[in-house]
PDB file of N, CA and C in Angstrom:
ATOM      1  N   MET A   1     147.447 140.742 108.208  1.00  0.00           N
ATOM      2  CA  MET A   1     148.854 140.564 108.317  1.00  0.00           C
ATOM      3  C   MET A   1     149.546 141.877 107.976  1.00  0.00           C
ATOM      4  N   MET A   2     150.779 141.992 108.405  1.00  0.00           N
ATOM      5  CA  MET A   2     151.487 143.259 108.273  1.00  0.00           C
ATOM      6  C   MET A   2     152.705 143.211 107.366  1.00  0.00           C
ATOM      7  N   SER A   3     153.041 142.030 106.825  1.00  0.00           N
ATOM      8  CA  SER A   3     154.238 141.958 105.989  1.00  0.00           C
ATOM      9  C   SER A   3     154.068 140.915 104.890  1.00  0.00           C
ATOM     10  N   ALA A   4     154.909 141.054 103.871  1.00  0.00           N
ATOM     11  CA  ALA A   4     154.921 140.070 102.783  1.00  0.00           C
ATOM     12  C   ALA A   4     155.285 138.695 103.327  1.00  0.00           C
ATOM     13  N   GLN A   5     156.194 138.652 104.302  1.00  0.00           N
ATOM     14  CA  GLN A   5     156.619 137.379 104.875  1.00  0.00           C
ATOM     15  C   GLN A   5     155.457 136.652 105.546  1.00  0.00           C
ATOM     16  N   GLN A   6     154.667 137.364 106.338  1.00  0.00           N
ATOM     17  CA  GLN A   6     153.520 136.741 107.000  1.00  0.00           C
ATOM     18  C   GLN A   6     152.525 136.210 105.970  1.00  0.00           C
ATOM     19  N   CYS A   7     152.275 137.018 104.954  1.00  0.00           N
ATOM     20  CA  CYS A   7     151.326 136.612 103.913  1.00  0.00           C
ATOM     21  C   CYS A   7     151.841 135.402 103.145  1.00  0.00           C
ATOM     22  N   LEU A   8     153.136 135.365 102.859  1.00  0.00           N
ATOM     23  CA  LEU A   8     153.726 134.232 102.153  1.00  0.00           C
ATOM     24  C   LEU A   8     153.524 132.949 102.947  1.00  0.00           C
ATOM     25  N   LEU A   9     153.759 133.000 104.238  1.00  0.00           N
ATOM     26  CA  LEU A   9     153.572 131.813 105.070  1.00  0.00           C
ATOM     27  C   LEU A   9     152.126 131.324 105.017  1.00  0.00           C
ATOM     28  N   ALA A  10     151.194 132.249 105.050  1.00  0.00           N
ATOM     29  CA  ALA A  10     149.775 131.867 104.965  1.00  0.00           C
ATOM     30  C   ALA A  10     149.478 131.227 103.616  1.00  0.00           C
ATOM     31  N   ALA A  11     150.032 131.789 102.535  1.00  0.00           N
ATOM     32  CA  ALA A  11     149.824 131.218 101.196  1.00  0.00           C
ATOM     33  C   ALA A  11     150.436 129.827 101.108  1.00  0.00           C
ATOM     34  N   MET A  12     151.607 129.649 101.689  1.00  0.00           N
ATOM     35  CA  MET A  12     152.262 128.341 101.673  1.00  0.00           C
ATOM     36  C   MET A  12     151.483 127.315 102.492  1.00  0.00           C
ATOM     37  N   ALA A  13     150.756 127.792 103.493  1.00  0.00           N
ATOM     38  CA  ALA A  13     149.936 126.907 104.320  1.00  0.00           C
ATOM     39  C   ALA A  13     148.615 126.563 103.641  1.00  0.00           C
ATOM     40  N   GLY A  14     148.352 127.186 102.475  1.00  0.00           N
ATOM     41  CA  GLY A  14     147.161 126.839 101.719  1.00  0.00           C
ATOM     42  C   GLY A  14     146.045 127.862 101.709  1.00  0.00           C
ATOM     43  N   ALA A  15     146.296 129.052 102.250  1.00  0.00           N
ATOM     44  CA  ALA A  15     145.245 130.074 102.266  1.00  0.00           C
ATOM     45  C   ALA A  15     144.874 130.476 100.832  1.00  0.00           C
ATOM     46  N   SER A  16     143.580 130.621 100.596  1.00  0.00           N
ATOM     47  CA  SER A  16     143.100 131.066  99.286  1.00  0.00           C
ATOM     48  C   SER A  16     143.222 132.576  99.139  1.00  0.00           C
ATOM     49  N   TYR A  17     143.033 133.289 100.232  1.00  0.00           N
ATOM     50  CA  TYR A  17     143.119 134.744 100.261  1.00  0.00           C
ATOM     51  C   TYR A  17     144.038 135.144 101.408  1.00  0.00           C
ATOM     52  N   ILE A  18     144.875 136.139 101.145  1.00  0.00           N
ATOM     53  CA  ILE A  18     145.755 136.659 102.181  1.00  0.00           C
ATOM     54  C   ILE A  18     145.551 138.165 102.238  1.00  0.00           C
ATOM     55  N   SER A  19     145.303 138.654 103.435  1.00  0.00           N
ATOM     56  CA  SER A  19     144.976 140.061 103.599  1.00  0.00           C
ATOM     57  C   SER A  19     146.108 140.778 104.304  1.00  0.00           C
ATOM     58  N   ILE A  20     146.640 141.782 103.614  1.00  0.00           N
ATOM     59  CA  ILE A  20     147.666 142.623 104.212  1.00  0.00           C
ATOM     60  C   ILE A  20     147.012 143.960 104.566  1.00  0.00           C
ATOM     61  N   PHE A  21     147.172 144.384 105.802  1.00  0.00           N
ATOM     62  CA  PHE A  21     146.575 145.631 106.256  1.00  0.00           C
ATOM     63  C   PHE A  21     147.463 146.787 105.800  1.00  0.00           C
ATOM     64  N   ALA A  22     147.380 147.075 104.517  1.00  0.00           N
ATOM     65  CA  ALA A  22     148.295 148.004 103.855  1.00  0.00           C
ATOM     66  C   ALA A  22     148.247 149.414 104.447  1.00  0.00           C
ATOM     67  N   GLY A  23     147.074 149.883 104.812  1.00  0.00           N
ATOM     68  CA  GLY A  23     146.966 151.213 105.424  1.00  0.00           C
ATOM     69  C   GLY A  23     147.728 151.282 106.734  1.00  0.00           C
ATOM     70  N   ARG A  24     147.632 150.232 107.518  1.00  0.00           N
ATOM     71  CA  ARG A  24     148.365 150.186 108.784  1.00  0.00           C
ATOM     72  C   ARG A  24     149.865 150.059 108.537  1.00  0.00           C
ATOM     73  N   VAL A  25     150.232 149.305 107.500  1.00  0.00           N
ATOM     74  CA  VAL A  25     151.646 149.179 107.146  1.00  0.00           C
ATOM     75  C   VAL A  25     152.220 150.568 106.858  1.00  0.00           C
ATOM     76  N   ASN A  26     151.497 151.351 106.053  1.00  0.00           N
ATOM     77  CA  ASN A  26     151.936 152.727 105.770  1.00  0.00           C
ATOM     78  C   ASN A  26     152.020 153.553 107.048  1.00  0.00           C
ATOM     79  N   ASN A  27     151.023 153.412 107.921  1.00  0.00           N
ATOM     80  CA  ASN A  27     151.005 154.175 109.172  1.00  0.00           C
ATOM     81  C   ASN A  27     152.209 153.862 110.058  1.00  0.00           C
ATOM     82  N   MET A  28     152.741 152.641 109.931  1.00  0.00           N
ATOM     83  CA  MET A  28     153.899 152.243 110.731  1.00  0.00           C
ATOM     84  C   MET A  28     155.206 152.744 110.127  1.00  0.00           C
ATOM     85  N   GLY A  29     155.112 153.435 108.977  1.00  0.00           N
ATOM     86  CA  GLY A  29     156.313 153.984 108.367  1.00  0.00           C
ATOM     87  C   GLY A  29     156.930 153.115 107.289  1.00  0.00           C
ATOM     88  N   TYR A  30     156.248 152.014 106.948  1.00  0.00           N
ATOM     89  CA  TYR A  30     156.720 151.150 105.874  1.00  0.00           C
ATOM     90  C   TYR A  30     155.935 151.478 104.611  1.00  0.00           C
ATOM     91  N   ASN A  31     156.383 150.967 103.475  1.00  0.00           N
ATOM     92  CA  ASN A  31     155.734 151.249 102.206  1.00  0.00           C
ATOM     93  C   ASN A  31     154.884 150.053 101.786  1.00  0.00           C
ATOM     94  N   ALA A  32     153.580 150.180 101.908  1.00  0.00           N
ATOM     95  CA  ALA A  32     152.669 149.086 101.575  1.00  0.00           C
ATOM     96  C   ALA A  32     152.775 148.695 100.106  1.00  0.00           C
ATOM     97  N   TYR A  33     152.975 149.672  99.240  1.00  0.00           N
ATOM     98  CA  TYR A  33     153.123 149.381  97.806  1.00  0.00           C
ATOM     99  C   TYR A  33     154.250 148.373  97.593  1.00  0.00           C
ATOM    100  N   GLU A  34     155.377 148.621  98.223  1.00  0.00           N
ATOM    101  CA  GLU A  34     156.523 147.722  98.069  1.00  0.00           C
ATOM    102  C   GLU A  34     156.245 146.345  98.664  1.00  0.00           C
ATOM    103  N   GLU A  35     155.565 146.293  99.797  1.00  0.00           N
ATOM    104  CA  GLU A  35     155.234 145.001 100.409  1.00  0.00           C
ATOM    105  C   GLU A  35     154.305 144.190  99.500  1.00  0.00           C
ATOM    106  N   ILE A  36     153.312 144.863  98.933  1.00  0.00           N
ATOM    107  CA  ILE A  36     152.369 144.177  98.039  1.00  0.00           C
ATOM    108  C   ILE A  36     153.094 143.695  96.787  1.00  0.00           C
ATOM    109  N   ALA A  37     153.943 144.544  96.219  1.00  0.00           N
ATOM    110  CA  ALA A  37     154.676 144.181  95.004  1.00  0.00           C
ATOM    111  C   ALA A  37     155.599 142.990  95.264  1.00  0.00           C
ATOM    112  N   LYS A  38     156.332 143.012  96.392  1.00  0.00           N
ATOM    113  CA  LYS A  38     157.214 141.884  96.747  1.00  0.00           C
ATOM    114  C   LYS A  38     156.403 140.611  96.919  1.00  0.00           C
ATOM    115  N   LEU A  39     155.281 140.747  97.624  1.00  0.00           N
ATOM    116  CA  LEU A  39     154.434 139.593  97.877  1.00  0.00           C
ATOM    117  C   LEU A  39     153.915 138.994  96.575  1.00  0.00           C
ATOM    118  N   ARG A  40     153.417 139.844  95.683  1.00  0.00           N
ATOM    119  CA  ARG A  40     152.887 139.349  94.407  1.00  0.00           C
ATOM    120  C   ARG A  40     153.971 138.653  93.596  1.00  0.00           C
ATOM    121  N   GLN A  41     155.171 139.236  93.585  1.00  0.00           N
ATOM    122  CA  GLN A  41     156.271 138.640  92.837  1.00  0.00           C
ATOM    123  C   GLN A  41     156.617 137.246  93.386  1.00  0.00           C
ATOM    124  N   VAL A  42     156.685 137.124  94.694  1.00  0.00           N
ATOM    125  CA  VAL A  42     157.029 135.840  95.303  1.00  0.00           C
ATOM    126  C   VAL A  42     155.915 134.812  95.077  1.00  0.00           C
ATOM    127  N   LEU A  43     154.664 135.243  95.216  1.00  0.00           N
ATOM    128  CA  LEU A  43     153.558 134.309  94.966  1.00  0.00           C
ATOM    129  C   LEU A  43     153.611 133.777  93.538  1.00  0.00           C
ATOM    130  N   ASP A  44     153.867 134.670  92.596  1.00  0.00           N
ATOM    131  CA  ASP A  44     153.944 134.257  91.193  1.00  0.00           C
ATOM    132  C   ASP A  44     155.136 133.333  90.957  1.00  0.00           C
ATOM    133  N   LEU A  45     156.290 133.670  91.524  1.00  0.00           N
ATOM    134  CA  LEU A  45     157.492 132.834  91.359  1.00  0.00           C
ATOM    135  C   LEU A  45     157.303 131.444  91.964  1.00  0.00           C
ATOM    136  N   GLN A  46     156.603 131.384  93.087  1.00  0.00           N
ATOM    137  CA  GLN A  46     156.381 130.111  93.770  1.00  0.00           C
ATOM    138  C   GLN A  46     155.141 129.376  93.256  1.00  0.00           C
ATOM    139  N   ASP A  47     154.459 129.978  92.287  1.00  0.00           N
ATOM    140  CA  ASP A  47     153.243 129.398  91.706  1.00  0.00           C
ATOM    141  C   ASP A  47     152.177 129.115  92.772  1.00  0.00           C
ATOM    142  N   LEU A  48     152.037 130.071  93.682  1.00  0.00           N
ATOM    143  CA  LEU A  48     151.016 129.973  94.728  1.00  0.00           C
ATOM    144  C   LEU A  48     149.779 130.733  94.267  1.00  0.00           C
ATOM    145  N   SER A  49     148.621 130.155  94.462  1.00  0.00           N
ATOM    146  CA  SER A  49     147.389 130.726  93.894  1.00  0.00           C
ATOM    147  C   SER A  49     146.656 131.688  94.826  1.00  0.00           C
ATOM    148  N   ALA A  50     147.177 131.931  96.005  1.00  0.00           N
ATOM    149  CA  ALA A  50     146.497 132.826  96.953  1.00  0.00           C
ATOM    150  C   ALA A  50     146.309 134.203  96.337  1.00  0.00           C
ATOM    151  N   LYS A  51     145.159 134.799  96.607  1.00  0.00           N
ATOM    152  CA  LYS A  51     144.836 136.149  96.136  1.00  0.00           C
ATOM    153  C   LYS A  51     145.143 137.147  97.241  1.00  0.00           C
ATOM    154  N   ILE A  52     145.719 138.277  96.838  1.00  0.00           N
ATOM    155  CA  ILE A  52     146.109 139.320  97.794  1.00  0.00           C
ATOM    156  C   ILE A  52     144.960 140.312  97.983  1.00  0.00           C
ATOM    157  N   ILE A  53     144.583 140.495  99.232  1.00  0.00           N
ATOM    158  CA  ILE A  53     143.608 141.515  99.601  1.00  0.00           C
ATOM    159  C   ILE A  53     144.367 142.633 100.313  1.00  0.00           C
ATOM    160  N   ALA A  54     144.331 143.830  99.750  1.00  0.00           N
ATOM    161  CA  ALA A  54     144.926 144.996 100.411  1.00  0.00           C
ATOM    162  C   ALA A  54     143.800 145.689 101.178  1.00  0.00           C
ATOM    163  N   ALA A  55     143.959 145.790 102.464  1.00  0.00           N
ATOM    164  CA  ALA A  55     142.888 146.308 103.320  1.00  0.00           C
ATOM    165  C   ALA A  55     143.361 147.509 104.117  1.00  0.00           C
ATOM    166  N   SER A  56     142.439 148.070 104.859  1.00  0.00           N
ATOM    167  CA  SER A  56     142.712 149.210 105.733  1.00  0.00           C
ATOM    168  C   SER A  56     143.086 150.447 104.919  1.00  0.00           C
ATOM    169  N   THR A  57     142.392 150.621 103.805  1.00  0.00           N
ATOM    170  CA  THR A  57     142.656 151.722 102.886  1.00  0.00           C
ATOM    171  C   THR A  57     142.411 153.061 103.574  1.00  0.00           C
ATOM    172  N   ARG A  58     143.355 153.964 103.439  1.00  0.00           N
ATOM    173  CA  ARG A  58     143.266 155.276 104.077  1.00  0.00           C
ATOM    174  C   ARG A  58     142.943 156.395 103.102  1.00  0.00           C
ATOM    175  N   GLU A  59     143.347 156.228 101.844  1.00  0.00           N
ATOM    176  CA  GLU A  59     143.168 157.288 100.853  1.00  0.00           C
ATOM    177  C   GLU A  59     142.683 156.692  99.537  1.00  0.00           C
ATOM    178  N   ILE A  60     141.941 157.473  98.786  1.00  0.00           N
ATOM    179  CA  ILE A  60     141.421 157.024  97.506  1.00  0.00           C
ATOM    180  C   ILE A  60     142.542 156.604  96.570  1.00  0.00           C
ATOM    181  N   LEU A  61     143.642 157.323  96.591  1.00  0.00           N
ATOM    182  CA  LEU A  61     144.744 156.995  95.683  1.00  0.00           C
ATOM    183  C   LEU A  61     145.329 155.621  95.960  1.00  0.00           C
ATOM    184  N   ASN A  62     145.125 155.082  97.169  1.00  0.00           N
ATOM    185  CA  ASN A  62     145.621 153.743  97.484  1.00  0.00           C
ATOM    186  C   ASN A  62     145.009 152.677  96.602  1.00  0.00           C
ATOM    187  N   VAL A  63     143.786 152.875  96.139  1.00  0.00           N
ATOM    188  CA  VAL A  63     143.095 151.846  95.360  1.00  0.00           C
ATOM    189  C   VAL A  63     143.892 151.502  94.104  1.00  0.00           C
ATOM    190  N   ILE A  64     144.148 152.474  93.255  1.00  0.00           N
ATOM    191  CA  ILE A  64     144.902 152.234  92.024  1.00  0.00           C
ATOM    192  C   ILE A  64     146.341 151.847  92.347  1.00  0.00           C
ATOM    193  N   GLU A  65     146.914 152.515  93.322  1.00  0.00           N
ATOM    194  CA  GLU A  65     148.295 152.259  93.731  1.00  0.00           C
ATOM    195  C   GLU A  65     148.491 150.780  94.100  1.00  0.00           C
ATOM    196  N   TRP A  66     147.611 150.260  94.929  1.00  0.00           N
ATOM    197  CA  TRP A  66     147.780 148.898  95.418  1.00  0.00           C
ATOM    198  C   TRP A  66     147.393 147.860  94.369  1.00  0.00           C
ATOM    199  N   LEU A  67     146.427 148.178  93.514  1.00  0.00           N
ATOM    200  CA  LEU A  67     146.137 147.277  92.396  1.00  0.00           C
ATOM    201  C   LEU A  67     147.337 147.220  91.455  1.00  0.00           C
ATOM    202  N   GLU A  68     147.935 148.371  91.201  1.00  0.00           N
ATOM    203  CA  GLU A  68     149.122 148.427  90.360  1.00  0.00           C
ATOM    204  C   GLU A  68     150.269 147.615  90.970  1.00  0.00           C
ATOM    205  N   ALA A  69     150.375 147.616  92.291  1.00  0.00           N
ATOM    206  CA  ALA A  69     151.428 146.866  92.975  1.00  0.00           C
ATOM    207  C   ALA A  69     151.219 145.363  92.874  1.00  0.00           C
ATOM    208  N   GLY A  70     149.974 144.946  92.571  1.00  0.00           N
ATOM    209  CA  GLY A  70     149.723 143.517  92.421  1.00  0.00           C
ATOM    210  C   GLY A  70     148.610 142.937  93.268  1.00  0.00           C
ATOM    211  N   ALA A  71     147.951 143.766  94.063  1.00  0.00           N
ATOM    212  CA  ALA A  71     146.814 143.257  94.845  1.00  0.00           C
ATOM    213  C   ALA A  71     145.704 142.818  93.892  1.00  0.00           C
ATOM    214  N   HIS A  72     145.015 141.767  94.271  1.00  0.00           N
ATOM    215  CA  HIS A  72     143.869 141.300  93.489  1.00  0.00           C
ATOM    216  C   HIS A  72     142.590 142.029  93.899  1.00  0.00           C
ATOM    217  N   ILE A  73     142.537 142.404  95.170  1.00  0.00           N
ATOM    218  CA  ILE A  73     141.359 143.049  95.756  1.00  0.00           C
ATOM    219  C   ILE A  73     141.837 144.175  96.665  1.00  0.00           C
ATOM    220  N   VAL A  74     141.128 145.303  96.646  1.00  0.00           N
ATOM    221  CA  VAL A  74     141.389 146.390  97.589  1.00  0.00           C
ATOM    222  C   VAL A  74     140.057 146.715  98.256  1.00  0.00           C
ATOM    223  N   THR A  75     140.032 146.669  99.570  1.00  0.00           N
ATOM    224  CA  THR A  75     138.802 146.992 100.279  1.00  0.00           C
ATOM    225  C   THR A  75     138.731 148.500 100.503  1.00  0.00           C
ATOM    226  N   VAL A  76     137.512 149.045 100.396  1.00  0.00           N
ATOM    227  CA  VAL A  76     137.322 150.487 100.587  1.00  0.00           C
ATOM    228  C   VAL A  76     136.035 150.750 101.355  1.00  0.00           C
ATOM    229  N   LEU A  77     135.977 151.910 101.981  1.00  0.00           N
ATOM    230  CA  LEU A  77     134.745 152.375 102.608  1.00  0.00           C
ATOM    231  C   LEU A  77     133.814 152.885 101.510  1.00  0.00           C
ATOM    232  N   PRO A  78     132.505 152.826 101.712  1.00  0.00           N
ATOM    233  CA  PRO A  78     131.572 153.287 100.678  1.00  0.00           C
ATOM    234  C   PRO A  78     131.827 154.715 100.193  1.00  0.00           C
ATOM    235  N   ASN A  79     132.237 155.612 101.085  1.00  0.00           N
ATOM    236  CA  ASN A  79     132.449 157.000 100.656  1.00  0.00           C
ATOM    237  C   ASN A  79     133.656 157.130  99.712  1.00  0.00           C
ATOM    238  N   PHE A  80     134.557 156.156  99.702  1.00  0.00           N
ATOM    239  CA  PHE A  80     135.676 156.172  98.761  1.00  0.00           C
ATOM    240  C   PHE A  80     135.173 155.993  97.333  1.00  0.00           C
ATOM    241  N   ILE A  81     134.154 155.182  97.165  1.00  0.00           N
ATOM    242  CA  ILE A  81     133.608 154.936  95.820  1.00  0.00           C
ATOM    243  C   ILE A  81     133.081 156.240  95.242  1.00  0.00           C
ATOM    244  N   GLU A  82     132.367 157.013  96.050  1.00  0.00           N
ATOM    245  CA  GLU A  82     131.883 158.318  95.592  1.00  0.00           C
ATOM    246  C   GLU A  82     133.054 159.231  95.243  1.00  0.00           C
ATOM    247  N   GLY A  83     134.081 159.203  96.080  1.00  0.00           N
ATOM    248  CA  GLY A  83     135.258 160.020  95.816  1.00  0.00           C
ATOM    249  C   GLY A  83     135.983 159.615  94.549  1.00  0.00           C
ATOM    250  N   MET A  84     135.943 158.334  94.211  1.00  0.00           N
ATOM    251  CA  MET A  84     136.563 157.865  92.977  1.00  0.00           C
ATOM    252  C   MET A  84     135.730 158.259  91.762  1.00  0.00           C
ATOM    253  N   LEU A  85     134.437 158.301  91.952  1.00  0.00           N
ATOM    254  CA  LEU A  85     133.516 158.585  90.856  1.00  0.00           C
ATOM    255  C   LEU A  85     133.437 160.072  90.536  1.00  0.00           C
ATOM    256  N   VAL A  86     133.404 160.883  91.560  1.00  0.00           N
ATOM    257  CA  VAL A  86     133.200 162.320  91.377  1.00  0.00           C
ATOM    258  C   VAL A  86     134.539 163.042  91.465  1.00  0.00           C
ATOM    259  N   HIS A  87     134.955 163.591  90.364  1.00  0.00           N
ATOM    260  CA  HIS A  87     136.179 164.394  90.313  1.00  0.00           C
ATOM    261  C   HIS A  87     135.742 165.861  90.304  1.00  0.00           C
ATOM    262  N   PRO A  88     136.471 166.749  90.962  1.00  0.00           N
ATOM    263  CA  PRO A  88     136.049 168.152  91.027  1.00  0.00           C
ATOM    264  C   PRO A  88     135.776 168.773  89.655  1.00  0.00           C
ATOM    265  N   TYR A  89     136.507 168.379  88.646  1.00  0.00           N
ATOM    266  CA  TYR A  89     136.322 168.982  87.329  1.00  0.00           C
ATOM    267  C   TYR A  89     135.275 168.255  86.481  1.00  0.00           C
ATOM    268  N   SER A  90     134.830 167.081  86.917  1.00  0.00           N
ATOM    269  CA  SER A  90     133.830 166.335  86.143  1.00  0.00           C
ATOM    270  C   SER A  90     132.535 167.128  85.999  1.00  0.00           C
ATOM    271  N   LYS A  91     131.994 167.601  87.110  1.00  0.00           N
ATOM    272  CA  LYS A  91     130.736 168.343  87.073  1.00  0.00           C
ATOM    273  C   LYS A  91     130.885 169.626  86.263  1.00  0.00           C
ATOM    274  N   GLU A  92     132.008 170.313  86.452  1.00  0.00           N
ATOM    275  CA  GLU A  92     132.260 171.550  85.722  1.00  0.00           C
ATOM    276  C   GLU A  92     132.332 171.292  84.216  1.00  0.00           C
ATOM    277  N   THR A  93     132.987 170.227  83.820  1.00  0.00           N
ATOM    278  CA  THR A  93     133.118 169.892  82.398  1.00  0.00           C
ATOM    279  C   THR A  93     131.766 169.525  81.794  1.00  0.00           C
ATOM    280  N   VAL A  94     130.992 168.716  82.506  1.00  0.00           N
ATOM    281  CA  VAL A  94     129.661 168.342  82.016  1.00  0.00           C
ATOM    282  C   VAL A  94     128.796 169.580  81.873  1.00  0.00           C
ATOM    283  N   LYS A  95     128.856 170.487  82.844  1.00  0.00           N
ATOM    284  CA  LYS A  95     128.069 171.713  82.761  1.00  0.00           C
ATOM    285  C   LYS A  95     128.476 172.524  81.535  1.00  0.00           C
ATOM    286  N   MET A  96     129.763 172.610  81.239  1.00  0.00           N
ATOM    287  CA  MET A  96     130.228 173.338  80.055  1.00  0.00           C
ATOM    288  C   MET A  96     129.659 172.714  78.773  1.00  0.00           C
ATOM    289  N   PHE A  97     129.675 171.386  78.695  1.00  0.00           N
ATOM    290  CA  PHE A  97     129.130 170.705  77.528  1.00  0.00           C
ATOM    291  C   PHE A  97     127.628 170.985  77.375  1.00  0.00           C
ATOM    292  N   LEU A  98     126.902 170.917  78.489  1.00  0.00           N
ATOM    293  CA  LEU A  98     125.459 171.163  78.448  1.00  0.00           C
ATOM    294  C   LEU A  98     125.174 172.611  78.059  1.00  0.00           C
ATOM    295  N   ASP A  99     125.932 173.546  78.593  1.00  0.00           N
ATOM    296  CA  ASP A  99     125.754 174.958  78.242  1.00  0.00           C
ATOM    297  C   ASP A  99     126.028 175.174  76.742  1.00  0.00           C
ATOM    298  N   ASP A 100     127.083 174.538  76.236  1.00  0.00           N
ATOM    299  CA  ASP A 100     127.399 174.649  74.805  1.00  0.00           C
ATOM    300  C   ASP A 100     126.291 174.054  73.948  1.00  0.00           C
ATOM    301  N   ALA A 101     125.708 172.944  74.398  1.00  0.00           N
ATOM    302  CA  ALA A 101     124.631 172.297  73.640  1.00  0.00           C
ATOM    303  C   ALA A 101     123.405 173.208  73.570  1.00  0.00           C
ATOM    304  N   VAL A 102     123.098 173.887  74.681  1.00  0.00           N
ATOM    305  CA  VAL A 102     121.952 174.789  74.704  1.00  0.00           C
ATOM    306  C   VAL A 102     122.162 175.945  73.711  1.00  0.00           C
ATOM    307  N   LYS A 103     123.398 176.423  73.618  1.00  0.00           N
ATOM    308  CA  LYS A 103     123.725 177.517  72.700  1.00  0.00           C
ATOM    309  C   LYS A 103     123.530 177.127  71.247  1.00  0.00           C
ATOM    310  N   LEU A 104     123.690 175.845  70.934  1.00  0.00           N
ATOM    311  CA  LEU A 104     123.529 175.383  69.542  1.00  0.00           C
ATOM    312  C   LEU A 104     122.060 175.390  69.187  1.00  0.00           C
TER     313      LEU A 104
END
């Protein structure tokens, strides 16, 4: 789905999970963060139990962004997990610690 309104209708119809294609929403010039946040607020206000799946992730930063907005689940490609795990300064910092340990 592409909007909070579409997802709300699915939740009202009894869907357990509602998937918003957040990456595509952003590509269309809309703000997926705002759509997810609006959707989560309305689901909570209406006491609807549907879980929000944010899909079509385009960037690693979308994961935290969309969880913060209220998504319950964010789908990612496997290479995103590596990108989340490995930070450019992580290896450099670990190497510095190991070098310091050897000096002791």
